[in-house]
Amino acid sequence: MPEPVSHQVNAARKTFETLYQISKLLNTNLDPTTLSICIRLCENGVNPHALATVMKELQREVKEMNNAQLEPANKASTNK
């Protein structure tokens, strides 16, 4: 006999919450939405190692862009 849909939804939610807690413990810096997308990509056949490499690279690039935006602001405040 199949499980009721509500039980399946609750089990999926609990599993996701556990995965999110593991993600936080590992300092992945993934928000719930991004983690959810990564999980769906893996479920659809994306290589997890390749996905992890891409995510690290994207996080590094975002950090560099944020630093580049802060540098002109820091220079302007020190020149006053």
PDB file of N, CA and C in Angstrom:
ATOM      1  N   MET A   1       0.851  -1.181   0.000  1.00  0.00           N
ATOM      2  CA  MET A   1       0.000   0.000   0.000  1.00  0.00           C
ATOM      3  C   MET A   1       0.895   1.242   0.000  1.00  0.00           C
ATOM      4  N   PRO A   2       0.685   2.182  -0.933  1.00  0.00           N
ATOM      5  CA  PRO A   2       1.531   3.391  -0.989  1.00  0.00           C
ATOM      6  C   PRO A   2       1.308   4.296   0.221  1.00  0.00           C
ATOM      7  N   GLU A   3       2.375   5.021   0.532  1.00  0.00           N
ATOM      8  CA  GLU A   3       2.283   5.960   1.657  1.00  0.00           C
ATOM      9  C   GLU A   3       1.418   7.150   1.268  1.00  0.00           C
ATOM     10  N   PRO A   4       0.725   7.739   2.238  1.00  0.00           N
ATOM     11  CA  PRO A   4      -0.047   8.951   1.925  1.00  0.00           C
ATOM     12  C   PRO A   4       0.888  10.067   1.471  1.00  0.00           C
ATOM     13  N   VAL A   5       0.376  10.925   0.606  1.00  0.00           N
ATOM     14  CA  VAL A   5       1.168  12.017   0.046  1.00  0.00           C
ATOM     15  C   VAL A   5       1.715  12.911   1.156  1.00  0.00           C
ATOM     16  N   SER A   6       0.912  13.197   2.176  1.00  0.00           N
ATOM     17  CA  SER A   6       1.368  14.080   3.251  1.00  0.00           C
ATOM     18  C   SER A   6       2.568  13.483   3.979  1.00  0.00           C
ATOM     19  N   HIS A   7       2.607  12.164   4.123  1.00  0.00           N
ATOM     20  CA  HIS A   7       3.752  11.523   4.776  1.00  0.00           C
ATOM     21  C   HIS A   7       4.999  11.661   3.903  1.00  0.00           C
ATOM     22  N   GLN A   8       4.816  11.501   2.599  1.00  0.00           N
ATOM     23  CA  GLN A   8       5.937  11.639   1.675  1.00  0.00           C
ATOM     24  C   GLN A   8       6.479  13.073   1.688  1.00  0.00           C
ATOM     25  N   VAL A   9       5.585  14.039   1.729  1.00  0.00           N
ATOM     26  CA  VAL A   9       5.985  15.449   1.769  1.00  0.00           C
ATOM     27  C   VAL A   9       6.744  15.738   3.052  1.00  0.00           C
ATOM     28  N   ASN A  10       6.240  15.236   4.177  1.00  0.00           N
ATOM     29  CA  ASN A  10       6.915  15.454   5.462  1.00  0.00           C
ATOM     30  C   ASN A  10       8.287  14.789   5.474  1.00  0.00           C
ATOM     31  N   ALA A  11       8.390  13.599   4.903  1.00  0.00           N
ATOM     32  CA  ALA A  11       9.678  12.903   4.844  1.00  0.00           C
ATOM     33  C   ALA A  11      10.660  13.680   3.966  1.00  0.00           C
ATOM     34  N   ALA A  12      10.179  14.201   2.831  1.00  0.00           N
ATOM     35  CA  ALA A  12      11.043  14.983   1.936  1.00  0.00           C
ATOM     36  C   ALA A  12      11.506  16.255   2.625  1.00  0.00           C
ATOM     37  N   ARG A  13      10.603  16.913   3.344  1.00  0.00           N
ATOM     38  CA  ARG A  13      10.947  18.149   4.054  1.00  0.00           C
ATOM     39  C   ARG A  13      12.002  17.865   5.132  1.00  0.00           C
ATOM     40  N   LYS A  14      11.819  16.778   5.877  1.00  0.00           N
ATOM     41  CA  LYS A  14      12.777  16.434   6.928  1.00  0.00           C
ATOM     42  C   LYS A  14      14.143  16.100   6.318  1.00  0.00           C
ATOM     43  N   THR A  15      14.130  15.388   5.206  1.00  0.00           N
ATOM     44  CA  THR A  15      15.388  15.055   4.526  1.00  0.00           C
ATOM     45  C   THR A  15      16.097  16.318   4.071  1.00  0.00           C
ATOM     46  N   PHE A  16      15.339  17.256   3.490  1.00  0.00           N
ATOM     47  CA  PHE A  16      15.948  18.503   3.026  1.00  0.00           C
ATOM     48  C   PHE A  16      16.507  19.299   4.202  1.00  0.00           C
ATOM     49  N   GLU A  17      15.769  19.367   5.293  1.00  0.00           N
ATOM     50  CA  GLU A  17      16.260  20.092   6.469  1.00  0.00           C
ATOM     51  C   GLU A  17      17.561  19.487   6.970  1.00  0.00           C
ATOM     52  N   THR A  18      17.657  18.165   6.947  1.00  0.00           N
ATOM     53  CA  THR A  18      18.890  17.486   7.366  1.00  0.00           C
ATOM     54  C   THR A  18      20.027  17.824   6.413  1.00  0.00           C
ATOM     55  N   LEU A  19      19.755  17.778   5.108  1.00  0.00           N
ATOM     56  CA  LEU A  19      20.784  18.133   4.122  1.00  0.00           C
ATOM     57  C   LEU A  19      21.234  19.580   4.281  1.00  0.00           C
ATOM     58  N   TYR A  20      20.291  20.468   4.578  1.00  0.00           N
ATOM     59  CA  TYR A  20      20.642  21.875   4.767  1.00  0.00           C
ATOM     60  C   TYR A  20      21.524  22.055   6.002  1.00  0.00           C
ATOM     61  N   GLN A  21      21.214  21.335   7.079  1.00  0.00           N
ATOM     62  CA  GLN A  21      22.041  21.417   8.283  1.00  0.00           C
ATOM     63  C   GLN A  21      23.452  20.896   8.006  1.00  0.00           C
ATOM     64  N   ILE A  22      23.557  19.810   7.251  1.00  0.00           N
ATOM     65  CA  ILE A  22      24.873  19.289   6.870  1.00  0.00           C
ATOM     66  C   ILE A  22      25.616  20.323   6.024  1.00  0.00           C
ATOM     67  N   SER A  23      24.903  20.944   5.109  1.00  0.00           N
ATOM     68  CA  SER A  23      25.493  21.979   4.267  1.00  0.00           C
ATOM     69  C   SER A  23      26.051  23.121   5.109  1.00  0.00           C
ATOM     70  N   LYS A  24      25.298  23.529   6.125  1.00  0.00           N
ATOM     71  CA  LYS A  24      25.770  24.606   7.007  1.00  0.00           C
ATOM     72  C   LYS A  24      26.985  24.171   7.809  1.00  0.00           C
ATOM     73  N   LEU A  25      26.972  22.933   8.316  1.00  0.00           N
ATOM     74  CA  LEU A  25      28.115  22.424   9.083  1.00  0.00           C
ATOM     75  C   LEU A  25      29.382  22.367   8.237  1.00  0.00           C
ATOM     76  N   LEU A  26      29.213  22.103   6.951  1.00  0.00           N
ATOM     77  CA  LEU A  26      30.357  22.031   6.039  1.00  0.00           C
ATOM     78  C   LEU A  26      30.743  23.394   5.470  1.00  0.00           C
ATOM     79  N   ASN A  27      30.055  24.452   5.920  1.00  0.00           N
ATOM     80  CA  ASN A  27      30.341  25.823   5.465  1.00  0.00           C
ATOM     81  C   ASN A  27      30.314  25.941   3.941  1.00  0.00           C
ATOM     82  N   THR A  28      29.268  25.384   3.328  1.00  0.00           N
ATOM     83  CA  THR A  28      29.153  25.470   1.872  1.00  0.00           C
ATOM     84  C   THR A  28      28.682  26.844   1.413  1.00  0.00           C
ATOM     85  N   ASN A  29      28.121  27.624   2.316  1.00  0.00           N
ATOM     86  CA  ASN A  29      27.564  28.943   2.000  1.00  0.00           C
ATOM     87  C   ASN A  29      26.436  28.866   0.980  1.00  0.00           C
ATOM     88  N   LEU A  30      25.711  27.756   0.976  1.00  0.00           N
ATOM     89  CA  LEU A  30      24.569  27.601   0.081  1.00  0.00           C
ATOM     90  C   LEU A  30      23.299  27.948   0.846  1.00  0.00           C
ATOM     91  N   ASP A  31      22.489  28.822   0.250  1.00  0.00           N
ATOM     92  CA  ASP A  31      21.194  29.116   0.858  1.00  0.00           C
ATOM     93  C   ASP A  31      20.241  27.973   0.485  1.00  0.00           C
ATOM     94  N   PRO A  32      19.086  27.880   1.151  1.00  0.00           N
ATOM     95  CA  PRO A  32      18.171  26.767   0.864  1.00  0.00           C
ATOM     96  C   PRO A  32      17.762  26.657  -0.609  1.00  0.00           C
ATOM     97  N   THR A  33      17.548  27.775  -1.264  1.00  0.00           N
ATOM     98  CA  THR A  33      17.146  27.731  -2.673  1.00  0.00           C
ATOM     99  C   THR A  33      18.254  27.145  -3.539  1.00  0.00           C
ATOM    100  N   THR A  34      19.477  27.595  -3.337  1.00  0.00           N
ATOM    101  CA  THR A  34      20.600  27.103  -4.127  1.00  0.00           C
ATOM    102  C   THR A  34      20.851  25.626  -3.850  1.00  0.00           C
ATOM    103  N   LEU A  35      20.766  25.237  -2.575  1.00  0.00           N
ATOM    104  CA  LEU A  35      20.934  23.830  -2.224  1.00  0.00           C
ATOM    105  C   LEU A  35      19.873  22.979  -2.911  1.00  0.00           C
ATOM    106  N   SER A  36      18.648  23.459  -2.915  1.00  0.00           N
ATOM    107  CA  SER A  36      17.553  22.736  -3.562  1.00  0.00           C
ATOM    108  C   SER A  36      17.828  22.552  -5.051  1.00  0.00           C
ATOM    109  N   ILE A  37      18.329  23.590  -5.701  1.00  0.00           N
ATOM    110  CA  ILE A  37      18.663  23.502  -7.125  1.00  0.00           C
ATOM    111  C   ILE A  37      19.778  22.486  -7.344  1.00  0.00           C
ATOM    112  N   CYS A  38      20.788  22.504  -6.496  1.00  0.00           N
ATOM    113  CA  CYS A  38      21.899  21.554  -6.623  1.00  0.00           C
ATOM    114  C   CYS A  38      21.413  20.115  -6.447  1.00  0.00           C
ATOM    115  N   ILE A  39      20.528  19.902  -5.491  1.00  0.00           N
ATOM    116  CA  ILE A  39      19.985  18.561  -5.270  1.00  0.00           C
ATOM    117  C   ILE A  39      19.223  18.091  -6.505  1.00  0.00           C
ATOM    118  N   ARG A  40      18.375  18.971  -7.060  1.00  0.00           N
ATOM    119  CA  ARG A  40      17.611  18.602  -8.252  1.00  0.00           C
ATOM    120  C   ARG A  40      18.523  18.310  -9.433  1.00  0.00           C
ATOM    121  N   LEU A  41      19.592  19.096  -9.571  1.00  0.00           N
ATOM    122  CA  LEU A  41      20.541  18.837 -10.657  1.00  0.00           C
ATOM    123  C   LEU A  41      21.172  17.452 -10.507  1.00  0.00           C
ATOM    124  N   CYS A  42      21.580  17.106  -9.288  1.00  0.00           N
ATOM    125  CA  CYS A  42      22.174  15.785  -9.048  1.00  0.00           C
ATOM    126  C   CYS A  42      21.162  14.670  -9.297  1.00  0.00           C
ATOM    127  N   GLU A  43      19.923  14.886  -8.879  1.00  0.00           N
ATOM    128  CA  GLU A  43      18.876  13.889  -9.117  1.00  0.00           C
ATOM    129  C   GLU A  43      18.634  13.674 -10.606  1.00  0.00           C
ATOM    130  N   ASN A  44      18.940  14.689 -11.404  1.00  0.00           N
ATOM    131  CA  ASN A  44      18.736  14.602 -12.849  1.00  0.00           C
ATOM    132  C   ASN A  44      20.004  14.231 -13.608  1.00  0.00           C
ATOM    133  N   GLY A  45      21.012  13.753 -12.889  1.00  0.00           N
ATOM    134  CA  GLY A  45      22.175  13.182 -13.546  1.00  0.00           C
ATOM    135  C   GLY A  45      23.425  14.034 -13.632  1.00  0.00           C
ATOM    136  N   VAL A  46      23.406  15.240 -13.075  1.00  0.00           N
ATOM    137  CA  VAL A  46      24.610  16.072 -13.095  1.00  0.00           C
ATOM    138  C   VAL A  46      25.656  15.449 -12.176  1.00  0.00           C
ATOM    139  N   ASN A  47      26.888  15.425 -12.622  1.00  0.00           N
ATOM    140  CA  ASN A  47      27.988  14.882 -11.820  1.00  0.00           C
ATOM    141  C   ASN A  47      28.186  15.766 -10.587  1.00  0.00           C
ATOM    142  N   PRO A  48      28.058  15.193  -9.378  1.00  0.00           N
ATOM    143  CA  PRO A  48      28.179  16.001  -8.162  1.00  0.00           C
ATOM    144  C   PRO A  48      29.544  16.667  -7.999  1.00  0.00           C
ATOM    145  N   HIS A  49      30.605  15.986  -8.429  1.00  0.00           N
ATOM    146  CA  HIS A  49      31.945  16.567  -8.311  1.00  0.00           C
ATOM    147  C   HIS A  49      32.099  17.767  -9.244  1.00  0.00           C
ATOM    148  N   ALA A  50      31.576  17.632 -10.441  1.00  0.00           N
ATOM    149  CA  ALA A  50      31.626  18.748 -11.383  1.00  0.00           C
ATOM    150  C   ALA A  50      30.787  19.913 -10.876  1.00  0.00           C
ATOM    151  N   LEU A  51      29.615  19.608 -10.320  1.00  0.00           N
ATOM    152  CA  LEU A  51      28.756  20.652  -9.773  1.00  0.00           C
ATOM    153  C   LEU A  51      29.453  21.370  -8.616  1.00  0.00           C
ATOM    154  N   ALA A  52      30.112  20.617  -7.742  1.00  0.00           N
ATOM    155  CA  ALA A  52      30.829  21.231  -6.618  1.00  0.00           C
ATOM    156  C   ALA A  52      31.934  22.151  -7.126  1.00  0.00           C
ATOM    157  N   THR A  53      32.640  21.729  -8.163  1.00  0.00           N
ATOM    158  CA  THR A  53      33.709  22.553  -8.740  1.00  0.00           C
ATOM    159  C   THR A  53      33.142  23.854  -9.293  1.00  0.00           C
ATOM    160  N   VAL A  54      32.027  23.749 -10.013  1.00  0.00           N
ATOM    161  CA  VAL A  54      31.392  24.942 -10.584  1.00  0.00           C
ATOM    162  C   VAL A  54      30.919  25.872  -9.474  1.00  0.00           C
ATOM    163  N   MET A  55      30.311  25.316  -8.428  1.00  0.00           N
ATOM    164  CA  MET A  55      29.808  26.142  -7.323  1.00  0.00           C
ATOM    165  C   MET A  55      30.952  26.871  -6.614  1.00  0.00           C
ATOM    166  N   LYS A  56      32.056  26.189  -6.396  1.00  0.00           N
ATOM    167  CA  LYS A  56      33.215  26.830  -5.764  1.00  0.00           C
ATOM    168  C   LYS A  56      33.735  27.975  -6.622  1.00  0.00           C
ATOM    169  N   GLU A  57      33.803  27.730  -7.921  1.00  0.00           N
ATOM    170  CA  GLU A  57      34.290  28.758  -8.841  1.00  0.00           C
ATOM    171  C   GLU A  57      33.351  29.967  -8.859  1.00  0.00           C
ATOM    172  N   LEU A  58      32.054  29.713  -8.883  1.00  0.00           N
ATOM    173  CA  LEU A  58      31.094  30.811  -8.858  1.00  0.00           C
ATOM    174  C   LEU A  58      31.200  31.615  -7.562  1.00  0.00           C
ATOM    175  N   GLN A  59      31.345  30.927  -6.443  1.00  0.00           N
ATOM    176  CA  GLN A  59      31.483  31.628  -5.163  1.00  0.00           C
ATOM    177  C   GLN A  59      32.762  32.462  -5.141  1.00  0.00           C
ATOM    178  N   ARG A  60      33.848  31.927  -5.714  1.00  0.00           N
ATOM    179  CA  ARG A  60      35.111  32.671  -5.761  1.00  0.00           C
ATOM    180  C   ARG A  60      34.951  33.922  -6.624  1.00  0.00           C
ATOM    181  N   GLU A  61      34.281  33.770  -7.766  1.00  0.00           N
ATOM    182  CA  GLU A  61      34.080  34.912  -8.673  1.00  0.00           C
ATOM    183  C   GLU A  61      33.202  35.987  -8.024  1.00  0.00           C
ATOM    184  N   VAL A  62      32.160  35.577  -7.326  1.00  0.00           N
ATOM    185  CA  VAL A  62      31.286  36.543  -6.653  1.00  0.00           C
ATOM    186  C   VAL A  62      32.079  37.293  -5.586  1.00  0.00           C
ATOM    187  N   LYS A  63      32.921  36.571  -4.856  1.00  0.00           N
ATOM    188  CA  LYS A  63      33.744  37.216  -3.826  1.00  0.00           C
ATOM    189  C   LYS A  63      34.692  38.238  -4.451  1.00  0.00           C
ATOM    190  N   GLU A  64      35.301  37.880  -5.570  1.00  0.00           N
ATOM    191  CA  GLU A  64      36.198  38.805  -6.266  1.00  0.00           C
ATOM    192  C   GLU A  64      35.448  40.044  -6.751  1.00  0.00           C
ATOM    193  N   MET A  65      34.249  39.840  -7.292  1.00  0.00           N
ATOM    194  CA  MET A  65      33.455  40.971  -7.772  1.00  0.00           C
ATOM    195  C   MET A  65      33.066  41.885  -6.613  1.00  0.00           C
ATOM    196  N   ASN A  66      32.680  41.298  -5.493  1.00  0.00           N
ATOM    197  CA  ASN A  66      32.323  42.109  -4.325  1.00  0.00           C
ATOM    198  C   ASN A  66      33.526  42.895  -3.817  1.00  0.00           C
ATOM    199  N   ASN A  67      34.693  42.259  -3.794  1.00  0.00           N
ATOM    200  CA  ASN A  67      35.911  42.953  -3.362  1.00  0.00           C
ATOM    201  C   ASN A  67      36.259  44.088  -4.313  1.00  0.00           C
ATOM    202  N   ALA A  68      36.088  43.856  -5.606  1.00  0.00           N
ATOM    203  CA  ALA A  68      36.390  44.896  -6.594  1.00  0.00           C
ATOM    204  C   ALA A  68      35.454  46.087  -6.439  1.00  0.00           C
ATOM    205  N   GLN A  69      34.212  45.829  -6.078  1.00  0.00           N
ATOM    206  CA  GLN A  69      33.258  46.925  -5.876  1.00  0.00           C
ATOM    207  C   GLN A  69      33.571  47.690  -4.600  1.00  0.00           C
ATOM    208  N   LEU A  70      34.094  47.003  -3.597  1.00  0.00           N
ATOM    209  CA  LEU A  70      34.413  47.667  -2.337  1.00  0.00           C
ATOM    210  C   LEU A  70      35.680  48.510  -2.426  1.00  0.00           C
ATOM    211  N   GLU A  71      36.639  48.101  -3.261  1.00  0.00           N
ATOM    212  CA  GLU A  71      37.916  48.820  -3.351  1.00  0.00           C
ATOM    213  C   GLU A  71      37.752  50.283  -3.714  1.00  0.00           C
ATOM    214  N   PRO A  72      36.972  50.626  -4.738  1.00  0.00           N
ATOM    215  CA  PRO A  72      36.815  52.066  -5.056  1.00  0.00           C
ATOM    216  C   PRO A  72      36.161  52.838  -3.909  1.00  0.00           C
ATOM    217  N   ALA A  73      35.220  52.219  -3.227  1.00  0.00           N
ATOM    218  CA  ALA A  73      34.567  52.884  -2.104  1.00  0.00           C
ATOM    219  C   ALA A  73      35.554  53.104  -0.972  1.00  0.00           C
ATOM    220  N   ASN A  74      36.409  52.121  -0.710  1.00  0.00           N
ATOM    221  CA  ASN A  74      37.411  52.260   0.352  1.00  0.00           C
ATOM    222  C   ASN A  74      38.453  53.335  -0.006  1.00  0.00           C
ATOM    223  N   LYS A  75      38.845  53.385  -1.272  1.00  0.00           N
ATOM    224  CA  LYS A  75      39.815  54.396  -1.699  1.00  0.00           C
ATOM    225  C   LYS A  75      39.211  55.790  -1.585  1.00  0.00           C
ATOM    226  N   ALA A  76      37.959  55.932  -1.935  1.00  0.00           N
ATOM    227  CA  ALA A  76      37.300  57.237  -1.872  1.00  0.00           C
ATOM    228  C   ALA A  76      37.196  57.718  -0.428  1.00  0.00           C
ATOM    229  N   SER A  77      36.914  56.797   0.502  1.00  0.00           N
ATOM    230  CA  SER A  77      36.765  57.203   1.900  1.00  0.00           C
ATOM    231  C   SER A  77      38.113  57.540   2.535  1.00  0.00           C
ATOM    232  N   THR A  78      39.193  56.929   2.069  1.00  0.00           N
ATOM    233  CA  THR A  78      40.508  57.226   2.631  1.00  0.00           C
ATOM    234  C   THR A  78      41.112  58.481   2.023  1.00  0.00           C
ATOM    235  N   ASN A  79      40.633  58.901   0.867  1.00  0.00           N
ATOM    236  CA  ASN A  79      41.152  60.107   0.212  1.00  0.00           C
ATOM    237  C   ASN A  79      40.503  61.382   0.745  1.00  0.00           C
ATOM    238  N   LYS A  80      39.507  61.278   1.585  1.00  0.00           N
ATOM    239  CA  LYS A  80      38.819  62.467   2.095  1.00  0.00           C
ATOM    240  C   LYS A  80      39.640  63.183   3.144  1.00  0.00           C
TER     241      LYS A  80
END
